[in-house]
């Protein structure tokens, strides 16, 4: 799962050069940077990722607080949750930087788009 997520993030931040074939385009050609449909797709996708990554790492903060209080001897579990939380925050910051570099704000998304909110 992590490799798939990193691959998507890499493609969002580093689109193919104008002359290079972009996978998934209808005509097999490169998707121009000014394509409004592509720009909207990236805005929607990155906004949902941003929301989910933020909800993920803040929820893991609560899990860590509870784990330290209830089972402080479970160091392996606490270390795994800590590492996962760090990865979630790293991805959040990566998507936030993407919007900052674009000079735009993310779209307003709510619990309807958040996979963590369904639990």
Protein backbone atom coordinates (compact mmCIF):
# COMPACT_ATOMS: atom_id res chain seq x y z
CA UNK A 1 0.00 0.00 0.00
CA UNK A 2 2.80 2.41 0.86
CA UNK A 3 4.46 2.04 -2.58
CA UNK A 4 1.16 2.73 -4.36
CA UNK A 5 0.58 5.85 -2.28
CA UNK A 6 4.12 7.12 -2.84
CA UNK A 7 3.83 6.49 -6.59
CA UNK A 8 0.61 8.56 -6.79
CA UNK A 9 2.21 11.33 -4.73
CA UNK A 10 5.29 11.31 -6.96
CA UNK A 11 3.17 11.67 -10.08
CA UNK A 12 1.20 14.53 -8.53
CA UNK A 13 4.31 16.47 -7.67
CA UNK A 14 6.36 15.51 -10.75
CA UNK A 15 4.11 15.28 -13.83
CA UNK A 16 5.72 13.94 -17.03
CA UNK A 17 7.44 16.50 -19.29
CA UNK A 18 5.30 17.87 -22.17
CA UNK A 19 6.81 15.56 -24.82
CA UNK A 20 6.64 12.35 -22.77
CA UNK A 21 3.72 9.92 -22.98
CA UNK A 22 1.53 10.08 -19.90
CA UNK A 23 -0.03 6.81 -18.84
CA UNK A 24 -3.78 6.90 -18.75
CA UNK A 25 -4.45 9.68 -21.27
CA UNK A 26 -7.14 8.98 -23.83
CA UNK A 27 -4.97 9.51 -26.90
CA UNK A 28 -1.78 8.05 -25.43
CA UNK A 29 -0.17 11.48 -25.56
CA UNK A 30 1.10 13.74 -22.84
CA UNK A 31 -1.41 15.57 -20.71
CA UNK A 32 -0.72 19.30 -20.93
CA UNK A 33 -0.20 21.13 -17.65
CA UNK A 34 -2.92 23.64 -18.55
CA UNK A 35 -5.63 20.99 -18.98
CA UNK A 36 -8.48 22.19 -16.69
CA UNK A 37 -9.81 18.67 -16.17
CA UNK A 38 -6.38 17.45 -15.05
CA UNK A 39 -5.99 20.46 -12.74
CA UNK A 40 -9.42 19.84 -11.19
CA UNK A 41 -8.65 16.11 -10.76
CA UNK A 42 -5.40 16.90 -8.98
CA UNK A 43 -7.12 19.46 -6.75
CA UNK A 44 -9.81 16.97 -5.74
CA UNK A 45 -7.39 14.08 -5.23
CA UNK A 46 -4.83 16.11 -3.28
CA UNK A 47 -7.57 17.70 -1.13
CA UNK A 48 -8.92 14.29 -0.17
CA UNK A 49 -5.42 12.99 0.55
CA UNK A 50 -4.64 16.07 2.63
CA UNK A 51 -7.80 15.61 4.68
CA UNK A 52 -7.26 11.87 5.22
CA UNK A 53 -3.58 12.23 6.13
CA UNK A 54 -4.40 14.95 8.66
CA UNK A 55 -7.20 12.92 10.19
CA UNK A 56 -4.90 9.89 10.24
CA UNK A 57 -1.99 11.40 12.11
CA UNK A 58 -4.19 13.29 14.59
CA UNK A 59 -6.15 10.10 15.32
CA UNK A 60 -2.87 8.25 15.87
CA UNK A 61 -1.94 10.91 18.42
CA UNK A 62 -4.96 9.81 20.45
CA UNK A 63 -4.02 6.14 20.01
CA UNK A 64 -0.51 6.86 21.27
CA UNK A 65 -1.82 8.74 24.30
CA UNK A 66 -4.07 5.81 25.18
CA UNK A 67 -1.32 3.24 24.54
CA UNK A 68 1.11 5.06 26.82
CA UNK A 69 -1.54 5.22 29.55
CA UNK A 70 -2.96 1.69 29.25
CA UNK A 71 -0.10 -0.49 28.07
CA UNK A 72 3.22 1.32 28.47
CA UNK A 73 5.10 -2.01 28.40
CA UNK A 74 4.04 -2.71 24.78
CA UNK A 75 7.05 -0.95 23.31
CA UNK A 76 6.87 -2.78 19.96
CA UNK A 77 3.27 -1.68 19.44
CA UNK A 78 3.99 1.89 20.53
CA UNK A 79 7.00 2.06 18.20
CA UNK A 80 4.95 0.79 15.24
CA UNK A 81 2.18 3.32 15.88
CA UNK A 82 4.75 6.09 16.30
CA UNK A 83 6.36 5.21 12.96
CA UNK A 84 3.01 5.06 11.19
CA UNK A 85 2.02 8.41 12.69
CA UNK A 86 5.27 9.96 11.41
CA UNK A 87 4.56 8.65 7.90
CA UNK A 88 1.02 10.05 7.97
CA UNK A 89 2.29 13.47 9.06
CA UNK A 90 5.02 13.39 6.38
CA UNK A 91 2.39 12.73 3.70
CA UNK A 92 0.18 15.50 5.11
CA UNK A 93 3.04 17.98 4.92
CA UNK A 94 3.88 16.82 1.39
CA UNK A 95 0.33 17.50 0.13
CA UNK A 96 0.17 20.79 2.04
CA UNK A 97 3.40 21.89 0.34
CA UNK A 98 1.92 20.92 -3.04
CA UNK A 99 -0.94 23.38 -2.50
CA UNK A 100 1.43 26.05 -1.19
CA UNK A 101 3.59 25.71 -4.31
CA UNK A 102 0.52 25.92 -6.53
CA UNK A 103 -0.54 29.09 -4.71
CA UNK A 104 -4.00 27.65 -4.07
CA UNK A 105 -6.04 26.41 -1.16
CA UNK A 106 -7.31 22.82 -0.92
CA UNK A 107 -10.96 22.16 -1.60
CA UNK A 108 -13.20 21.94 1.46
CA UNK A 109 -13.77 18.25 2.13
CA UNK A 110 -15.46 16.72 5.14
CA UNK A 111 -16.17 13.35 6.74
CA UNK A 112 -17.96 12.18 3.59
CA UNK A 113 -14.54 11.86 1.94
CA UNK A 114 -12.60 10.61 4.93
CA UNK A 115 -12.03 6.87 5.14
CA UNK A 116 -11.07 7.15 8.82
CA UNK A 117 -14.40 8.82 9.60
CA UNK A 118 -16.26 5.65 8.61
CA UNK A 119 -14.89 3.68 11.57
